Each structure stands twice: as structure tokens, then as C-alpha cells.
Amino acid sequence: MLSRVADAVFWMARYMERTDNILRVLRTNYIASQDEIQNFDWNLWIAGLGCTTYDETVKPGYRQALFDLLLQKENDTSVLTNIVRARENARSVQDYITKEVWQCMNDYYHLIREKHTEYLILHGDPVTAFDNLLRESTLFYGTVDITLNRGEGYTFLNMGKYIERMLRSLDFLELKIKELEQQGNELVQWKYLLYALSGYEFHTKYYRNTLSTDNVLHQVMLNVQFPHSVLYCMQQVERYFKRLDSVSVPEHFKEMEFLLGKAISNLRYGMPTAPTAVTIKPILQNTRVEIKSLSQKLAALYFGYS
């Protein structure tokens, strides 16, 4: 596979995973702001999600915050921008993806640009808009799974998906810790974090007790049965990367294999025995650095980035 094709498929997957994760956390935050959390700090999330139109001197209402994070064309990290970029990458490699995957991308693009979607965010029920968009996201993942051949493109697509998912899980955990420091109410904050990661039901079945900081942190960071945990995602990246053994330059493969193994070991054995919101911070920072280094090394060795 050409390096430019692998790069485009990799980033298409990253933008789509980023879109799905941001939609879920914004849907959860909107519900939280209308339900249990008083004086919800939208500025924290606008800044934390990298909104490039962010003005810290202005305190936006929830509708303006949702519009900026979802539909603002000038915001370089909005959901609309991510979908546009995913579609552009898909367009450039149409010969390497199925027509069904391309149709999903196109439908998603047209849905988020519909006036009705904007109306729901600014004047109607935002949850309906979120549900409509998330339905398209789920359809995309299902279509990829049942139509795409299991070649190199599928491998790079999944590596991009899981690298992005790791970073989003770390982002949301860090932002929830900041909220916890500002507002307290530990149980409520952890509950909505798990909702945002589609993990609340999993938590109640797996841990079978009241929400606690150490259990939530274990689930998000180390639980390999939870598909949004950092360790699970890192193991999936390693799993898919090993499929490239036969088509890789041996030196490049061994270098990436070593870095992946080191990152997994550091995460698995570097966690405190009973982690807290304070003691976990250095682990989050170090893990983020390792993930970004892995992504950069992959780009240099496999996508031809200098």
C-alpha cells in the first residue's frame, strides 16, 4: 500500500473516532448541565477540546457552546471540521475503501450541514441532534466492519481509531478531574465521565459496588475488558501493528514493536496501587507523551513524514 493511502485511511479513522467521542461527551455534558450539575463550566470544555475560537473573557450559554464545538466552521476542532476532514481523506482513497463506506461518510457530511441540525442545537432539542449524528457514526463503524477487506488499509484504519480513542479517554479524564477540583461532588462527576465513555453500565456489572475513584480510574486506564480503556486500546494498536510484520522494513517494525511494548509495560506497571485524582496526573501526562511519540514514529516510518 502506498504511504499516502495508508496515511489518508489512518487519519480518516482518527477524525471519525474523534467525532464520535466528542459527540458522546457533549451529549453527556448537556444532560449533566440540565440535570445534576449546577453552573456547569462550558468554558472548561471549550478550552479543553481545543476550540480555536475560544474567548476566555466571554461566558457562553450552553447553546452557543454546543454550536461552537459542533458546527462552528471557524473552529479548527469542531465536529463539523472533523467530518469534513474525514470525508476529504476518504475521497482521496475511494479506490481503497468500499462504496458503502464512502456513502456513509457522504451521508454524515450532509446530515451535519442540514439546517435542521443547526436549528436543533440553537433552538430545539440538542439531544435529538446528537442522537441523529451518533446514529450515523454507529452506521459508519458497522459498515466498515462488514464491507472493508482485512488488508493493510483495514489495519491502518484500526490503528488510527485506537490511537485516537486513547487520547480522547485521557482528555476526558483530565477534564473531569479539573471539574472535580472546581465543583467537588465526586460520584456525580465520575458517573457522567463513564456515561461519556459508554461505560457506566459496564461499571455497575463489573465492579458491583458504589462508584469510587480507584475503580473508575482502573476502568478508564487499565481494564482490558472495557473498549475505551487506555490499556485495551494500546493492546489493540499492538495487535493490528503486528499484522504489518510481513510488509514492513524489519528495522522499522522492530523499532515500533519495542516502543509499543514499552508503552504497554509502563502503563500496566506504572499505575499506583490505589490511584487518586491527584496521583494519577503524572501517569496521564506520561502516557499522553508516549502515545503521541508512537503516532509520530509511525508517521515517520510508515507514512514518509520527515
Protein backbone atom coordinates (compact mmCIF):
# COMPACT_ATOMS: atom_id res chain seq x y z
CA MET A 1 0.00 0.00 0.00
CA LEU A 2 1.26 3.49 -0.87
CA SER A 3 2.26 5.54 2.16
CA ARG A 4 -0.10 8.38 1.19
CA VAL A 5 -3.02 5.93 1.06
CA ALA A 6 -2.13 4.44 4.44
CA ASP A 7 -1.84 7.96 5.87
CA ALA A 8 -5.25 9.01 4.48
CA VAL A 9 -7.01 5.90 5.83
CA PHE A 10 -5.28 6.32 9.21
CA TRP A 11 -6.41 9.94 9.53
CA MET A 12 -9.91 9.25 8.23
CA ALA A 13 -10.28 6.82 11.13
CA ARG A 14 -8.81 9.28 13.62
CA TYR A 15 -11.17 12.07 12.60
CA MET A 16 -14.18 9.75 12.75
CA GLU A 17 -13.21 8.41 16.17
CA ARG A 18 -12.62 11.96 17.40
CA THR A 19 -16.06 12.93 16.10
CA ASP A 20 -17.78 10.03 17.83
CA ASN A 21 -16.05 10.66 21.16
CA ILE A 22 -16.71 14.41 21.17
CA LEU A 23 -20.38 13.89 20.29
CA ARG A 24 -20.79 11.48 23.20
CA VAL A 25 -19.11 13.72 25.74
CA LEU A 26 -21.04 16.81 24.60
CA ARG A 27 -24.34 14.92 24.75
CA THR A 28 -23.49 13.77 28.27
CA ASN A 29 -22.35 17.24 29.36
CA TYR A 30 -25.51 18.84 28.04
CA ILE A 31 -27.67 16.39 30.00
CA ALA A 32 -25.50 16.92 33.11
CA SER A 33 -25.81 20.70 32.80
CA GLN A 34 -29.61 20.40 32.67
CA ASP A 35 -29.86 17.81 35.40
CA GLU A 36 -27.50 17.50 38.36
CA ILE A 37 -24.52 19.81 37.84
CA GLN A 38 -25.31 23.42 38.68
CA ASN A 39 -23.41 26.27 36.97
CA PHE A 40 -21.80 23.87 34.50
CA ASP A 41 -18.49 25.33 33.27
CA TRP A 42 -18.71 25.22 29.48
CA ASN A 43 -15.54 27.31 29.20
CA LEU A 44 -13.56 24.44 30.68
CA TRP A 45 -14.71 22.11 27.92
CA ILE A 46 -14.47 24.68 25.13
CA ALA A 47 -10.83 25.28 26.04
CA GLY A 48 -10.13 21.62 26.85
CA LEU A 49 -11.42 20.40 23.49
CA GLY A 50 -9.14 22.84 21.71
CA CYS A 51 -11.73 25.28 20.35
CA THR A 52 -9.74 27.76 18.26
CA THR A 53 -12.46 30.43 18.50
CA TYR A 54 -12.39 30.31 22.32
CA ASP A 55 -12.57 33.66 24.11
CA GLU A 56 -11.98 33.21 27.85
CA THR A 57 -13.46 36.64 28.62
CA VAL A 58 -16.90 35.51 27.45
CA LYS A 59 -19.04 33.01 29.35
CA PRO A 60 -21.24 31.37 26.71
CA GLY A 61 -24.63 29.83 27.26
CA TYR A 62 -24.94 26.12 26.60
CA ARG A 63 -26.43 26.61 23.12
CA GLN A 64 -23.58 28.84 21.98
CA ALA A 65 -21.04 26.44 23.48
CA LEU A 66 -22.61 23.49 21.68
CA PHE A 67 -22.74 25.43 18.41
CA ASP A 68 -19.05 26.40 18.68
CA LEU A 69 -17.96 22.84 19.43
CA LEU A 70 -20.26 21.18 16.89
CA LEU A 71 -20.93 23.43 13.92
CA GLN A 72 -18.58 26.41 14.02
CA LYS A 73 -16.71 26.40 10.68
CA GLU A 74 -14.02 28.72 12.03
CA ASN A 75 -13.27 26.33 14.90
CA ASP A 76 -10.45 24.07 13.76
CA THR A 77 -11.51 21.29 16.14
CA SER A 78 -15.30 21.36 15.76
CA VAL A 79 -17.21 18.19 14.90
CA LEU A 80 -18.09 19.69 11.51
CA THR A 81 -14.40 20.31 10.76
CA ASN A 82 -13.52 16.74 11.73
CA ILE A 83 -16.21 15.27 9.49
CA VAL A 84 -15.11 17.46 6.58
CA ARG A 85 -11.52 16.30 7.00
CA ALA A 86 -12.52 12.65 7.34
CA ARG A 87 -14.56 12.96 4.14
CA GLU A 88 -11.66 14.62 2.31
CA ASN A 89 -9.36 11.76 3.29
CA ALA A 90 -11.98 9.21 2.23
CA ARG A 91 -12.42 10.98 -1.11
CA SER A 92 -8.68 10.77 -1.79
CA VAL A 93 -8.68 6.98 -1.33
CA GLN A 94 -12.04 5.98 -2.80
CA ASP A 95 -10.38 3.15 -4.72
CA TYR A 96 -9.22 1.60 -1.45
CA ILE A 97 -12.46 1.78 0.53
CA THR A 98 -15.87 0.37 -0.35
CA LYS A 99 -18.61 2.41 -1.94
CA GLU A 100 -20.73 1.73 1.15
CA VAL A 101 -18.12 3.34 3.43
CA TRP A 102 -17.92 6.34 1.14
CA GLN A 103 -21.71 6.65 1.11
CA CYS A 104 -21.74 6.64 4.93
CA MET A 105 -19.17 9.41 5.00
CA ASN A 106 -21.16 11.44 2.48
CA ASP A 107 -24.44 10.99 4.37
CA TYR A 108 -22.76 12.03 7.63
CA TYR A 109 -21.38 15.16 5.98
CA HIS A 110 -24.77 16.19 4.57
CA LEU A 111 -26.56 15.49 7.86
CA ILE A 112 -24.35 17.76 9.95
CA ARG A 113 -24.71 20.54 7.35
CA GLU A 114 -28.50 20.38 7.34
CA LYS A 115 -30.27 23.49 8.62
CA HIS A 116 -32.41 21.28 10.83
CA THR A 117 -29.34 20.13 12.76
CA GLU A 118 -28.36 23.74 13.40
CA TYR A 119 -31.93 24.57 14.42
CA LEU A 120 -31.99 21.74 16.98
CA ILE A 121 -28.73 22.93 18.53
CA LEU A 122 -29.65 26.63 18.68
CA HIS A 123 -33.41 26.49 19.26
CA GLY A 124 -34.72 22.93 19.61
CA ASP A 125 -33.71 19.78 21.47
CA PRO A 126 -29.92 19.24 21.20
CA VAL A 127 -30.24 15.60 22.32
CA THR A 128 -32.17 14.82 19.13
CA ALA A 129 -29.35 16.32 17.06
CA PHE A 130 -26.75 14.31 18.99
CA ASP A 131 -28.72 11.10 18.58
CA ASN A 132 -29.10 11.64 14.83
CA LEU A 133 -25.37 12.24 14.42
CA LEU A 134 -24.37 9.35 16.66
CA ARG A 135 -26.63 7.05 14.65
CA GLU A 136 -24.61 7.93 11.55
CA SER A 137 -21.40 7.30 13.48
CA THR A 138 -22.58 3.85 14.53
CA LEU A 139 -23.63 3.13 10.95
CA PHE A 140 -20.14 4.10 9.75
CA TYR A 141 -18.41 1.68 12.13
CA GLY A 142 -20.78 -1.13 11.24
CA THR A 143 -20.32 -0.54 7.51
CA VAL A 144 -16.53 -0.55 7.84
CA ASP A 145 -16.72 -3.80 9.79
CA ILE A 146 -18.89 -5.72 7.31
CA THR A 147 -17.67 -4.33 3.96
CA LEU A 148 -13.95 -3.47 4.20
CA ASN A 149 -11.41 -6.14 3.27
CA ARG A 150 -8.95 -7.14 6.00
CA GLY A 151 -5.86 -5.85 4.20
CA GLU A 152 -3.34 -3.17 5.09
CA GLY A 153 -5.94 -0.40 4.81
CA TYR A 154 -8.10 -2.04 7.47
CA THR A 155 -5.02 -2.40 9.67
CA PHE A 156 -4.04 1.27 9.46
CA LEU A 157 -7.67 2.30 9.92
CA ASN A 158 -7.91 0.42 13.21
CA MET A 159 -4.56 1.70 14.43
CA GLY A 160 -5.77 5.24 13.83
CA LYS A 161 -9.07 4.54 15.58
CA TYR A 162 -7.48 3.15 18.73
CA ILE A 163 -4.72 5.77 18.95
CA GLU A 164 -7.36 8.49 18.79
CA ARG A 165 -9.58 6.72 21.32
CA MET A 166 -6.72 6.55 23.82
CA LEU A 167 -6.09 10.27 23.54
CA ARG A 168 -9.79 11.12 23.92
CA SER A 169 -10.12 8.93 27.03
CA LEU A 170 -7.13 10.71 28.57
CA ASP A 171 -8.55 14.13 27.60
CA PHE A 172 -11.96 13.46 29.13
CA LEU A 173 -10.47 12.03 32.30
CA GLU A 174 -8.20 15.06 32.74
CA LEU A 175 -11.09 17.47 32.17
CA LYS A 176 -13.29 15.61 34.65
CA ILE A 177 -10.53 15.82 37.24
CA LYS A 178 -10.41 19.58 36.69
CA GLU A 179 -14.20 19.76 37.12
CA LEU A 180 -13.89 17.70 40.28
CA GLU A 181 -11.32 20.14 41.69
CA GLN A 182 -13.62 23.10 40.92
CA GLN A 183 -17.00 21.69 41.93
CA GLY A 184 -16.47 18.56 44.02
CA ASN A 185 -19.31 16.03 44.02
CA GLU A 186 -17.13 13.07 43.14
CA LEU A 187 -19.85 10.49 42.49
CA VAL A 188 -21.73 12.72 40.04
CA GLN A 189 -18.59 13.67 38.12
CA TRP A 190 -17.43 10.06 37.76
CA LYS A 191 -20.91 8.94 36.73
CA TYR A 192 -21.02 11.40 33.84
CA LEU A 193 -17.46 10.55 32.80
CA LEU A 194 -18.49 6.92 32.47
CA TYR A 195 -21.63 7.89 30.56
CA ALA A 196 -19.46 9.89 28.14
CA LEU A 197 -17.25 6.83 27.58
CA SER A 198 -20.25 4.47 27.27
CA GLY A 199 -19.00 2.68 30.36
CA TYR A 200 -21.50 3.26 33.19
CA GLU A 201 -23.43 0.06 32.64
CA PHE A 202 -20.16 -1.87 32.32
CA HIS A 203 -19.00 -0.39 35.65
CA THR A 204 -22.10 -1.47 37.55
CA LYS A 205 -21.81 -5.02 36.25
CA TYR A 206 -18.04 -5.44 36.57
CA TYR A 207 -17.27 -3.68 39.88
CA ARG A 208 -20.64 -4.30 41.57
CA ASN A 209 -20.33 -1.53 44.15
CA THR A 210 -20.75 2.21 44.60
CA LEU A 211 -18.71 4.41 42.29
CA SER A 212 -15.27 5.06 43.72
CA THR A 213 -12.27 6.94 42.38
CA ASP A 214 -9.92 3.95 42.29
CA ASN A 215 -12.42 1.76 40.43
CA VAL A 216 -13.24 4.45 37.88
CA LEU A 217 -9.56 5.15 37.26
CA HIS A 218 -8.85 1.43 36.94
CA GLN A 219 -11.66 1.07 34.42
CA VAL A 220 -10.59 4.01 32.27
CA MET A 221 -6.87 3.25 32.38
CA LEU A 222 -6.35 -0.50 32.83
CA ASN A 223 -9.47 -2.61 32.38
CA VAL A 224 -8.82 -4.64 29.22
CA GLN A 225 -12.48 -5.71 29.05
CA PHE A 226 -13.58 -2.08 28.65
CA PRO A 227 -13.23 -0.95 25.00
CA HIS A 228 -12.49 2.67 25.91
CA SER A 229 -9.74 1.93 28.44
CA VAL A 230 -6.29 3.16 27.52
CA LEU A 231 -4.65 -0.23 28.04
CA TYR A 232 -7.25 -2.05 25.93
CA CYS A 233 -6.74 0.44 23.08
CA MET A 234 -2.96 0.20 23.32
CA GLN A 235 -3.12 -3.58 23.11
CA GLN A 236 -5.36 -3.28 20.05
CA VAL A 237 -2.83 -0.97 18.38
CA GLU A 238 -0.13 -3.57 19.09
CA ARG A 239 -2.36 -6.36 17.78
CA TYR A 240 -3.06 -4.62 14.48
CA PHE A 241 0.50 -3.40 14.09
CA LYS A 242 1.82 -6.98 14.24
CA ARG A 243 -0.14 -7.69 11.05
CA LEU A 244 2.31 -5.41 9.24
CA ASP A 245 5.29 -7.67 10.01
CA SER A 246 5.44 -9.27 6.55
CA VAL A 247 5.17 -5.96 4.66
CA SER A 248 7.43 -3.82 6.87
CA VAL A 249 11.09 -2.93 6.74
CA PRO A 250 12.44 -5.18 9.54
CA GLU A 251 14.25 -2.35 11.34
CA HIS A 252 11.14 -0.16 11.28
CA PHE A 253 8.94 -2.97 12.54
CA LYS A 254 11.27 -3.82 15.42
CA GLU A 255 11.54 -0.16 16.47
CA MET A 256 7.77 0.29 16.58
CA GLU A 257 7.29 -3.08 18.27
CA PHE A 258 9.74 -2.10 21.02
CA LEU A 259 8.05 1.28 21.60
CA LEU A 260 4.60 -0.32 21.80
CA GLY A 261 5.77 -2.96 24.24
CA LYS A 262 7.48 -0.35 26.39
CA ALA A 263 4.36 1.87 26.47
CA ILE A 264 2.15 -1.07 27.47
CA SER A 265 4.54 -2.10 30.25
CA ASN A 266 4.88 1.45 31.57
CA LEU A 267 1.11 1.82 31.73
CA ARG A 268 0.40 -1.59 33.23
CA TYR A 269 3.09 -1.43 35.92
CA GLY A 270 3.33 2.32 36.45
CA MET A 271 -0.13 2.85 37.92
CA PRO A 272 -0.33 3.45 41.69
CA THR A 273 -1.90 0.65 43.75
CA ALA A 274 -4.76 2.89 44.90
CA PRO A 275 -4.83 5.78 42.42
CA THR A 276 -6.43 9.10 43.25
CA ALA A 277 -7.31 12.14 41.15
CA VAL A 278 -4.02 13.69 42.30
CA THR A 279 -1.61 10.76 41.97
CA ILE A 280 -2.94 9.82 38.51
CA LYS A 281 -1.96 13.14 36.90
CA PRO A 282 1.70 12.30 36.16
CA ILE A 283 0.61 8.96 34.70
CA LEU A 284 -1.84 10.72 32.37
CA GLN A 285 0.82 13.16 31.20
CA ASN A 286 3.46 10.47 30.63
CA THR A 287 1.00 8.20 28.82
CA ARG A 288 -0.08 11.03 26.54
CA VAL A 289 3.55 11.78 25.65
CA GLU A 290 4.17 8.11 24.83
CA ILE A 291 1.06 7.83 22.66
CA LYS A 292 1.96 10.96 20.69
CA SER A 293 5.53 9.70 20.28
CA LEU A 294 4.17 6.41 18.94
CA SER A 295 1.96 8.23 16.46
CA GLN A 296 4.83 10.44 15.30
CA LYS A 297 7.17 7.47 14.91
CA LEU A 298 4.51 5.58 12.93
CA ALA A 299 4.12 8.59 10.65
CA ALA A 300 7.89 8.87 10.13
CA LEU A 301 8.47 5.16 9.45
CA TYR A 302 5.30 4.20 7.55
CA PHE A 303 3.82 7.38 6.07
CA GLY A 304 7.03 9.02 4.93
CA TYR A 305 6.84 12.09 7.19
CA SER A 306 10.21 13.70 7.65
